[in-house]
Amino acid sequence: MIPFILLVALASAAQAAPGKDDFFLIHGFDGQDYANRLGGTTGKWEINPTDTSQWCNLSFVPYDSRFMEQGYALKVDYKVGSSKENFVTQEQGVSQQEVGFHGRTANGIFTLLKGFDASPYRFLSFRIKGDAEAGYTKSFKLELKDKNRTAQVIVEGITDRWQLIEIPLSKFQDRVQISELTEYVIVFDQKVTRQQGVLYLDEIGFSKEKSKPVAPGGNESVKVPEVSVRRLLGAVKIDGNLDEWEGECFHLGKSNLEFGDFKGESKGSADICLGWDSVYLYAAAKVRDNEIISRFSGAEIYRMDGVELFVDPKNDGYEWKNPSDIQLGLAPSGPEGTPQAWSYFSGSKPADREVKIASVMKKKGYDIEAAISLEFLGVNPAEGEKFGFSAALHDLDSSPPGENKLNWRFIKEPGNPGKFLLGRARLAK
C-alpha cells in the first residue's frame, strides 16, 4: 500500500444517503474544508514524505468559471521526479525486485469513501482544468479501491479550460467491488506528461446518467465553444488574398496548445476565418510563422507546416479514421511550390471540385484559403445547420528543431479510445 500523509483531519460530516438522486456529490470544496460529504477525509499522499524535492500541496481557490454563482475548487500543486536516491521498501507497494535505493517518486490526492455503495450509479465524474501559466500534466492515473483491491484507469485530454470528466464505472467493476468503495486516488508518477504543474479539481461525484448537472441546483453542462459561420453573398475568389474576407474569425494562440512548446505569437499563431454559401464552406488562415517547412507532399504533409480542419458532419462524436468524419490537411506549399490538400481518413487528394486551395507566402508567415464542398464534408447547406468542428495550426522549425500544434478544440473523450470532442460550427445568416 502506498503510504500517505493526511493533509488535515476534521470532524466527520453527517452521512448522506446515496442512490436517491441522479447525481451524488462526494466533495465540492465550497466549504473550504477537507471533510467530504461521506465524513471521509480528502488529502494528499507522497510515496516518500521526507523527500522535499518532490511534493503535492493542496489549497482552496475561488472557482473562476462556475456553474453556480460562487464557490471554491481544490488547487493541486504537484511535482514528481526526485533529486535524491530514496530507499523504497516492499511495504510501499513495490515488488521485491524494486526494494532498495533509487529515485522512484509518486504522489497525488485521495478521498476516503468509507465503503460507499456506487452500484446505483453508472459514472464517476469530476471537473478539472490545468493552469496555463504554471503548466500541468495532460494525463494521470486514477484509482478506485475497495477493502482488498485497486482498479486503475488513465485520464487523458486535460486542458487549461474547465471540463467535465465522466468515466463509466464499468471500467472498474470487474476489478473492485463497486458497492463497497473505500478510496478515490489520483496518482502523479513518472508517466505524467509534465513532472511539475498545477491542476484544479472540483465536484467529485457519481451520476446515473451522462452529462447531468454536477451539483444540487445546477442546470448547465459543459459548454461547447461554437463559431457562427456567416453566409457569404458575393463570389469568393480563391487566390490566397484575404483582403476581401468578411467571414467570422477566431484566434489560435497559446491557450490552444495541443502539444509542444508555444514559442510566441510571431513564431506560430493564426487567425482562422470561416464562411459559407450553398455549395462551399470557405476557410482562410492568416498565419504568423518565423520559418516555413514545406518539403513533403501527399499523405506526408502532416510532417510540415500547415493548417488542419476537423469536421464531424453528424455532430455525434468525432472518431479517428471514421470515413464519415473528416481530417483535412492544407499546406501552403510543397516540393513543387504549390499549395496542397489531403484527406487523411480517405487517404487521398480531394478532387478539384471538392477542395479548391490557394496561398500567398510571406516573409513572416503565409495566408491560405480554401473552398471545401459541403457535399464532400457531408454537411447540409442550410441555415442553422450545426456540425462538430475544429481547426489546427501545425508548426515545425529546423533551427532549433521543434514542433507544436495549436488546436481550437480537440480533446480525447474519457473512456472512449479513438473518439474526440470538437467544438461546434453553425451555419448562420
Protein backbone atom coordinates (compact mmCIF):
# COMPACT_ATOMS: atom_id res chain seq x y z
CA MET A 1 0.00 0.00 0.00
CA ILE A 2 1.31 3.46 -0.87
CA PRO A 3 1.94 5.49 2.29
CA PHE A 4 0.34 8.89 2.51
CA ILE A 5 0.18 11.99 4.66
CA LEU A 6 -3.18 13.29 5.80
CA LEU A 7 -3.27 16.97 4.98
CA VAL A 8 -5.70 17.61 7.79
CA ALA A 9 -8.17 15.58 9.84
CA LEU A 10 -11.56 17.10 10.56
CA ALA A 11 -14.67 16.03 12.41
CA SER A 12 -16.91 13.66 10.47
CA ALA A 13 -19.76 15.15 8.49
CA ALA A 14 -23.23 13.67 8.67
CA GLN A 15 -23.65 10.60 6.50
CA ALA A 16 -25.58 11.30 3.28
CA ALA A 17 -27.97 8.84 1.65
CA PRO A 18 -26.74 7.78 -1.81
CA GLY A 19 -28.89 6.40 -4.60
CA LYS A 20 -31.86 8.77 -4.34
CA ASP A 21 -30.68 11.46 -6.79
CA ASP A 22 -29.30 11.26 -10.32
CA PHE A 23 -26.06 12.80 -9.05
CA PHE A 24 -24.37 12.22 -5.69
CA LEU A 25 -21.75 14.83 -4.79
CA ILE A 26 -18.85 13.38 -2.79
CA HIS A 27 -16.78 16.56 -2.44
CA GLY A 28 -17.41 20.04 -3.83
CA PHE A 29 -14.88 22.07 -1.74
CA ASP A 30 -17.24 25.04 -1.33
CA GLY A 31 -16.89 24.84 2.45
CA GLN A 32 -13.09 25.15 2.11
CA ASP A 33 -12.50 22.09 4.25
CA TYR A 34 -11.11 18.61 3.69
CA ALA A 35 -14.08 16.61 5.00
CA ASN A 36 -16.18 15.14 2.20
CA ARG A 37 -19.93 14.54 2.22
CA LEU A 38 -19.46 10.96 3.46
CA GLY A 39 -17.49 12.07 6.50
CA GLY A 40 -14.22 10.89 4.96
CA THR A 41 -11.09 12.97 4.52
CA THR A 42 -9.60 14.38 1.33
CA GLY A 43 -5.85 14.94 1.41
CA LYS A 44 -2.52 14.40 -0.26
CA TRP A 45 -0.20 11.39 -0.25
CA GLU A 46 3.52 11.09 -1.00
CA ILE A 47 5.48 7.90 -1.51
CA ASN A 48 8.42 9.40 0.41
CA PRO A 49 7.36 12.31 2.66
CA THR A 50 10.98 13.02 3.69
CA ASP A 51 12.00 13.83 0.10
CA THR A 52 11.47 17.59 -0.20
CA SER A 53 12.47 17.63 -3.90
CA GLN A 54 9.00 16.28 -4.77
CA TRP A 55 5.63 17.32 -3.38
CA CYS A 56 1.86 17.54 -3.67
CA ASN A 57 0.30 20.56 -1.94
CA LEU A 58 -3.41 21.36 -1.69
CA SER A 59 -5.27 24.63 -1.16
CA PHE A 60 -8.63 26.22 -1.98
CA VAL A 61 -9.20 28.86 -4.67
CA PRO A 62 -12.36 30.63 -5.95
CA TYR A 63 -13.91 28.80 -8.89
CA ASP A 64 -13.40 31.27 -11.76
CA SER A 65 -15.80 29.65 -14.24
CA ARG A 66 -18.57 28.39 -12.01
CA PHE A 67 -21.82 26.66 -12.87
CA MET A 68 -23.24 28.16 -9.69
CA GLU A 69 -22.92 31.75 -8.53
CA GLN A 70 -20.00 31.24 -6.15
CA GLY A 71 -17.80 28.54 -4.71
CA TYR A 72 -14.32 27.09 -4.43
CA ALA A 73 -12.19 24.47 -6.16
CA LEU A 74 -9.21 22.44 -4.95
CA LYS A 75 -5.82 23.66 -6.20
CA VAL A 76 -3.28 20.83 -6.63
CA ASP A 77 0.36 21.95 -6.84
CA TYR A 78 2.46 18.85 -7.60
CA LYS A 79 6.00 17.83 -8.54
CA VAL A 80 7.36 14.37 -9.27
CA GLY A 81 10.93 13.47 -10.14
CA SER A 82 13.36 13.29 -7.24
CA SER A 83 16.81 14.84 -6.86
CA LYS A 84 17.81 12.25 -4.26
CA GLU A 85 18.13 8.49 -4.01
CA ASN A 86 15.36 7.07 -1.82
CA PHE A 87 15.25 3.74 -0.05
CA VAL A 88 11.94 2.12 -1.03
CA THR A 89 10.55 -0.80 0.97
CA GLN A 90 8.15 -3.54 -0.09
CA GLU A 91 5.56 -2.06 2.30
CA GLN A 92 5.38 0.92 -0.08
CA GLY A 93 3.62 -1.16 -2.72
CA VAL A 94 6.58 -2.24 -4.87
CA SER A 95 7.77 -5.69 -5.89
CA GLN A 96 10.62 -7.40 -4.05
CA GLN A 97 12.91 -6.68 -7.01
CA GLU A 98 12.31 -2.90 -6.64
CA VAL A 99 13.29 -2.72 -2.96
CA GLY A 100 16.38 -0.55 -2.43
CA PHE A 101 17.82 2.87 -3.25
CA HIS A 102 16.55 4.66 -6.35
CA GLY A 103 14.81 7.88 -7.40
CA ARG A 104 11.30 6.47 -7.66
CA THR A 105 8.74 9.14 -6.74
CA ALA A 106 4.98 9.41 -6.83
CA ASN A 107 2.34 11.48 -5.10
CA GLY A 108 -1.22 12.66 -5.52
CA ILE A 109 -4.63 13.12 -3.93
CA PHE A 110 -7.01 10.80 -2.12
CA THR A 111 -10.52 11.00 -0.71
CA LEU A 112 -11.83 8.31 1.64
CA LEU A 113 -15.17 6.83 0.55
CA LYS A 114 -15.90 4.80 3.71
CA GLY A 115 -17.48 1.79 1.97
CA PHE A 116 -19.62 3.91 -0.38
CA ASP A 117 -22.17 1.93 -2.43
CA ALA A 118 -21.83 3.21 -6.02
CA SER A 119 -23.91 0.40 -7.55
CA PRO A 120 -26.94 2.70 -8.22
CA TYR A 121 -24.69 4.84 -10.44
CA ARG A 122 -23.10 4.45 -13.88
CA PHE A 123 -20.39 7.14 -13.96
CA LEU A 124 -17.63 8.55 -11.78
CA SER A 125 -17.38 12.27 -12.56
CA PHE A 126 -15.38 15.36 -11.63
CA ARG A 127 -14.41 18.72 -13.08
CA ILE A 128 -10.78 19.54 -13.83
CA LYS A 129 -8.54 22.03 -15.59
CA GLY A 130 -4.83 22.81 -15.80
CA ASP A 131 -3.08 26.08 -15.00
CA ALA A 132 -1.93 27.64 -18.29
CA GLU A 133 0.78 29.74 -16.62
CA ALA A 134 2.25 27.12 -14.26
CA GLY A 135 1.86 24.23 -16.71
CA TYR A 136 0.20 20.88 -16.00
CA THR A 137 0.09 17.22 -16.94
CA LYS A 138 -2.44 16.32 -19.61
CA SER A 139 -2.94 12.84 -18.17
CA PHE A 140 -2.72 10.95 -14.89
CA LYS A 141 -3.69 7.65 -13.29
CA LEU A 142 -6.96 7.42 -11.35
CA GLU A 143 -7.73 4.59 -8.92
CA LEU A 144 -10.82 3.29 -7.13
CA LYS A 145 -10.28 0.93 -4.21
CA ASP A 146 -12.34 -1.47 -2.15
CA LYS A 147 -11.11 -3.19 1.02
CA ASN A 148 -8.75 -5.52 -0.82
CA ARG A 149 -8.27 -4.45 -4.43
CA THR A 150 -7.43 -1.49 -6.68
CA ALA A 151 -8.69 -0.67 -10.19
CA GLN A 152 -6.96 1.89 -12.40
CA VAL A 153 -7.75 3.97 -15.49
CA ILE A 154 -5.78 6.67 -17.30
CA VAL A 155 -7.45 10.08 -17.52
CA GLU A 156 -6.37 11.99 -20.65
CA GLY A 157 -7.21 15.14 -22.54
CA ILE A 158 -6.83 17.67 -19.71
CA THR A 159 -6.70 21.29 -20.92
CA ASP A 160 -6.50 24.73 -19.31
CA ARG A 161 -10.29 25.05 -19.51
CA TRP A 162 -12.82 23.54 -17.13
CA GLN A 163 -14.29 20.31 -18.42
CA LEU A 164 -16.45 17.56 -17.02
CA ILE A 165 -14.79 14.13 -16.94
CA GLU A 166 -17.23 11.19 -16.82
CA ILE A 167 -15.78 7.68 -16.54
CA PRO A 168 -18.07 4.64 -16.83
CA LEU A 169 -17.97 2.57 -13.65
CA SER A 170 -17.88 -0.48 -15.91
CA LYS A 171 -14.18 0.37 -16.37
CA PHE A 172 -13.65 -0.51 -12.67
CA GLN A 173 -16.28 -3.03 -11.64
CA ASP A 174 -14.51 -6.17 -12.86
CA ARG A 175 -11.61 -5.39 -10.51
CA VAL A 176 -13.21 -3.81 -7.43
CA GLN A 177 -16.46 -4.18 -5.52
CA ILE A 178 -18.42 -1.10 -6.67
CA SER A 179 -20.86 -1.49 -3.77
CA GLU A 180 -18.07 -1.13 -1.16
CA LEU A 181 -15.67 1.57 -2.33
CA THR A 182 -13.13 2.76 0.21
CA GLU A 183 -10.96 5.29 -1.62
CA TYR A 184 -10.62 7.53 -4.68
CA VAL A 185 -6.99 8.26 -5.63
CA ILE A 186 -5.25 10.43 -8.23
CA VAL A 187 -1.66 9.37 -8.96
CA PHE A 188 1.13 11.55 -10.34
CA ASP A 189 4.11 9.38 -11.27
CA GLN A 190 6.86 9.18 -13.89
CA LYS A 191 4.27 8.72 -16.67
CA VAL A 192 2.72 12.19 -16.35
CA THR A 193 3.22 14.43 -19.39
CA ARG A 194 4.69 17.21 -17.21
CA GLN A 195 6.54 16.49 -13.97
CA GLN A 196 5.65 19.77 -12.26
CA GLY A 197 2.49 21.81 -12.52
CA VAL A 198 -0.86 22.90 -11.14
CA LEU A 199 -4.32 21.38 -11.61
CA TYR A 200 -7.72 22.49 -10.31
CA LEU A 201 -10.27 19.88 -9.22
CA ASP A 202 -13.91 20.19 -8.21
CA GLU A 203 -17.21 18.36 -7.75
CA ILE A 204 -16.14 14.73 -7.38
CA GLY A 205 -19.21 12.53 -7.52
CA PHE A 206 -21.20 9.70 -9.07
CA SER A 207 -24.01 10.04 -11.64
CA LYS A 208 -26.69 7.76 -13.06
CA GLU A 209 -26.68 9.37 -16.49
CA LYS A 210 -24.02 11.13 -18.55
CA SER A 211 -23.79 14.94 -18.60
CA LYS A 212 -26.13 15.52 -15.70
CA PRO A 213 -25.83 18.71 -13.60
CA VAL A 214 -22.83 18.38 -11.34
CA ALA A 215 -24.20 19.95 -8.19
CA PRO A 216 -27.57 20.32 -6.47
CA GLY A 217 -29.40 23.20 -8.12
CA GLY A 218 -27.12 23.27 -11.15
CA ASN A 219 -28.72 23.32 -14.58
CA GLU A 220 -25.82 23.53 -17.01
CA SER A 221 -23.42 21.02 -18.51
CA VAL A 222 -20.01 21.67 -20.05
CA LYS A 223 -20.23 24.50 -22.55
CA VAL A 224 -19.10 23.59 -26.06
CA PRO A 225 -17.44 26.51 -27.88
CA GLU A 226 -19.35 27.46 -31.02
CA VAL A 227 -18.35 29.57 -34.02
CA SER A 228 -21.00 31.27 -36.13
CA VAL A 229 -20.24 30.80 -39.85
CA ARG A 230 -21.55 33.77 -41.82
CA ARG A 231 -23.23 33.25 -45.19
CA LEU A 232 -21.23 34.98 -47.95
CA LEU A 233 -23.42 36.68 -50.53
CA GLY A 234 -20.75 37.70 -53.02
CA ALA A 235 -18.39 35.49 -55.00
CA VAL A 236 -15.22 34.44 -53.18
CA LYS A 237 -12.10 34.25 -55.30
CA ILE A 238 -9.74 31.55 -54.05
CA ASP A 239 -6.39 33.23 -54.67
CA GLY A 240 -4.74 33.47 -51.24
CA ASN A 241 -5.57 37.17 -50.93
CA LEU A 242 -7.56 37.61 -47.72
CA ASP A 243 -8.29 41.34 -48.06
CA GLU A 244 -11.88 40.73 -49.19
CA TRP A 245 -12.71 38.35 -46.34
CA GLU A 246 -15.82 39.18 -44.30
CA GLY A 247 -16.31 35.81 -42.60
CA GLU A 248 -16.25 35.11 -38.86
CA CYS A 249 -12.74 34.70 -37.42
CA PHE A 250 -11.18 33.28 -34.26
CA HIS A 251 -7.62 33.16 -32.95
CA LEU A 252 -5.27 30.22 -32.37
CA GLY A 253 -2.65 31.04 -29.76
CA LYS A 254 -1.05 29.85 -26.53
CA SER A 255 -4.32 28.76 -24.90
CA ASN A 256 -4.94 26.33 -27.80
CA LEU A 257 -1.67 24.39 -27.42
CA GLU A 258 -2.27 20.66 -28.07
CA PHE A 259 1.37 19.58 -27.81
CA GLY A 260 4.89 21.01 -27.96
CA ASP A 261 6.09 24.39 -26.68
CA PHE A 262 4.46 27.68 -27.63
CA LYS A 263 7.21 29.93 -29.00
CA GLY A 264 5.30 33.20 -29.23
CA GLU A 265 2.65 34.86 -31.37
CA SER A 266 5.11 35.93 -34.08
CA LYS A 267 6.66 32.44 -34.33
CA GLY A 268 3.50 30.37 -34.62
CA SER A 269 -0.11 31.60 -34.34
CA ALA A 270 -3.06 32.12 -36.66
CA ASP A 271 -6.42 33.77 -37.23
CA ILE A 272 -8.95 31.35 -38.75
CA CYS A 273 -11.90 32.73 -40.75
CA LEU A 274 -14.98 30.85 -41.97
CA GLY A 275 -17.86 31.50 -44.36
CA TRP A 276 -20.35 29.51 -46.45
CA ASP A 277 -22.72 29.54 -49.40
CA SER A 278 -25.00 26.92 -50.93
CA VAL A 279 -22.04 24.91 -52.28
CA TYR A 280 -18.93 25.51 -50.19
CA LEU A 281 -17.56 26.01 -46.70
CA TYR A 282 -14.86 28.66 -47.03
CA ALA A 283 -11.87 28.62 -44.69
CA ALA A 284 -8.99 31.07 -44.54
CA ALA A 285 -5.99 31.34 -42.23
CA LYS A 286 -3.64 34.26 -41.67
CA VAL A 287 -0.59 32.52 -40.21
CA ARG A 288 2.35 34.11 -38.40
CA ASP A 289 5.45 31.89 -38.60
CA ASN A 290 9.18 32.65 -38.47
CA GLU A 291 10.13 29.55 -40.52
CA ILE A 292 8.03 27.63 -43.04
CA ILE A 293 8.92 24.00 -43.78
CA SER A 294 7.26 22.66 -46.94
CA ARG A 295 9.31 19.84 -48.42
CA PHE A 296 6.77 16.98 -48.36
CA SER A 297 3.72 16.11 -50.44
CA GLY A 298 0.59 13.95 -50.41
CA ALA A 299 -0.02 11.91 -47.26
CA GLU A 300 3.27 13.24 -45.80
CA ILE A 301 2.16 16.88 -45.49
CA TYR A 302 1.44 16.29 -41.79
CA ARG A 303 5.23 16.38 -41.38
CA MET A 304 5.44 20.08 -42.26
CA ASP A 305 3.81 23.45 -41.63
CA GLY A 306 0.13 23.73 -42.40
CA VAL A 307 -3.47 24.01 -41.28
CA GLU A 308 -5.79 21.12 -40.44
CA LEU A 309 -9.59 21.10 -40.36
CA PHE A 310 -11.58 18.53 -38.38
CA VAL A 311 -15.26 18.05 -39.23
CA ASP A 312 -17.87 15.81 -37.59
CA PRO A 313 -20.79 16.33 -40.00
CA LYS A 314 -23.32 14.42 -37.89
CA ASN A 315 -22.20 16.14 -34.68
CA ASP A 316 -22.29 12.73 -32.98
CA GLY A 317 -18.69 12.50 -31.76
CA TYR A 318 -15.50 12.65 -33.82
CA GLU A 319 -14.00 9.20 -34.32
CA TRP A 320 -10.43 8.74 -35.53
CA LYS A 321 -10.29 7.29 -39.08
CA ASN A 322 -14.08 7.07 -39.32
CA PRO A 323 -14.77 7.62 -43.06
CA SER A 324 -17.82 9.76 -42.26
CA ASP A 325 -15.63 12.22 -40.31
CA ILE A 326 -13.05 14.49 -41.94
CA GLN A 327 -9.44 15.39 -41.21
CA LEU A 328 -8.34 17.72 -44.00
CA GLY A 329 -4.74 18.92 -44.27
CA LEU A 330 -4.00 22.23 -46.03
CA ALA A 331 -0.33 23.02 -46.73
CA PRO A 332 0.76 26.42 -48.06
CA SER A 333 3.41 24.93 -50.36
CA GLY A 334 5.38 21.81 -51.23
CA PRO A 335 8.26 20.49 -53.35
CA GLU A 336 6.63 21.96 -56.47
CA GLY A 337 5.95 25.33 -54.85
CA THR A 338 2.15 24.97 -54.92
CA PRO A 339 -0.38 24.60 -52.07
CA GLN A 340 -1.65 21.12 -51.23
CA ALA A 341 -4.72 19.45 -49.72
CA TRP A 342 -5.01 15.92 -48.34
CA SER A 343 -7.93 13.99 -46.86
CA TYR A 344 -6.32 11.72 -44.24
CA PHE A 345 -9.17 9.37 -43.41
CA SER A 346 -9.91 8.60 -47.07
CA GLY A 347 -6.16 8.52 -47.82
CA SER A 348 -6.47 10.61 -50.96
CA LYS A 349 -6.07 14.02 -52.51
CA PRO A 350 -9.50 15.67 -52.86
CA ALA A 351 -10.71 16.36 -56.39
CA ASP A 352 -10.67 19.98 -57.58
CA ARG A 353 -14.47 20.12 -57.33
CA GLU A 354 -14.18 19.01 -53.68
CA VAL A 355 -11.42 21.35 -52.46
CA LYS A 356 -10.05 24.49 -54.12
CA ILE A 357 -6.96 25.92 -52.41
CA ALA A 358 -4.59 28.89 -52.79
CA SER A 359 -1.90 30.52 -50.67
CA VAL A 360 0.42 33.51 -50.53
CA MET A 361 3.84 33.06 -48.92
CA LYS A 362 5.10 35.98 -46.85
CA LYS A 363 8.32 36.92 -45.11
CA LYS A 364 6.92 36.11 -41.66
CA GLY A 365 4.17 33.62 -42.38
CA TYR A 366 1.59 32.84 -45.01
CA ASP A 367 -2.06 33.32 -45.96
CA ILE A 368 -4.04 30.30 -47.10
CA GLU A 369 -7.67 29.88 -48.14
CA ALA A 370 -9.84 27.05 -49.39
CA ALA A 371 -13.33 26.39 -50.72
CA ILE A 372 -14.45 22.98 -49.46
CA SER A 373 -17.53 21.32 -50.92
CA LEU A 374 -20.27 20.92 -48.31
CA GLU A 375 -21.23 17.70 -50.09
CA PHE A 376 -17.65 16.44 -49.63
CA LEU A 377 -17.88 17.30 -45.91
CA GLY A 378 -21.31 15.70 -45.54
CA VAL A 379 -22.80 18.95 -44.20
CA ASN A 380 -26.32 20.02 -45.16
CA PRO A 381 -26.17 23.54 -46.73
CA ALA A 382 -28.97 25.03 -44.63
CA GLU A 383 -29.12 27.98 -42.27
CA GLY A 384 -28.99 26.78 -38.66
CA GLU A 385 -27.16 23.54 -39.50
CA LYS A 386 -24.63 22.57 -36.80
CA PHE A 387 -21.65 20.24 -37.04
CA GLY A 388 -18.60 19.33 -34.99
CA PHE A 389 -15.58 21.42 -35.95
CA SER A 390 -12.03 22.33 -35.05
CA ALA A 391 -9.12 23.99 -36.81
CA ALA A 392 -5.45 23.47 -36.02
CA LEU A 393 -2.10 25.04 -36.87
CA HIS A 394 0.87 22.68 -37.20
CA ASP A 395 4.26 24.39 -36.85
CA LEU A 396 7.72 22.90 -37.37
CA ASP A 397 11.13 24.54 -37.11
CA SER A 398 14.59 23.31 -38.07
CA SER A 399 16.79 25.71 -36.09
CA PRO A 400 16.46 24.95 -33.28
CA PRO A 401 14.44 21.78 -34.04
CA GLY A 402 10.91 21.97 -32.68
CA GLU A 403 7.28 21.09 -33.32
CA ASN A 404 3.93 22.10 -31.88
CA LYS A 405 0.25 22.15 -32.72
CA LEU A 406 -2.45 24.65 -31.76
CA ASN A 407 -5.97 23.21 -31.90
CA TRP A 408 -9.19 25.16 -31.32
CA ARG A 409 -10.94 22.29 -29.53
CA PHE A 410 -9.73 18.71 -29.86
CA ILE A 411 -9.98 16.71 -26.63
CA LYS A 412 -9.74 12.97 -26.09
CA GLU A 413 -13.10 11.66 -24.90
CA PRO A 414 -12.53 10.00 -21.49
CA GLY A 415 -13.18 6.27 -21.56
CA ASN A 416 -13.57 6.14 -25.37
CA PRO A 417 -10.24 5.50 -27.13
CA GLY A 418 -10.18 6.93 -30.63
CA LYS A 419 -13.01 9.42 -30.01
CA PHE A 420 -12.56 13.17 -29.59
CA LEU A 421 -14.62 16.16 -28.51
CA LEU A 422 -14.67 19.01 -31.03
CA GLY A 423 -16.12 22.49 -30.93
CA ARG A 424 -19.19 23.33 -32.97
CA ALA A 425 -19.82 25.37 -36.11
CA ARG A 426 -23.24 26.78 -37.01
CA LEU A 427 -24.24 27.98 -40.49
CA ALA A 428 -25.69 31.45 -39.88
CA LYS A 429 -27.16 34.28 -41.98
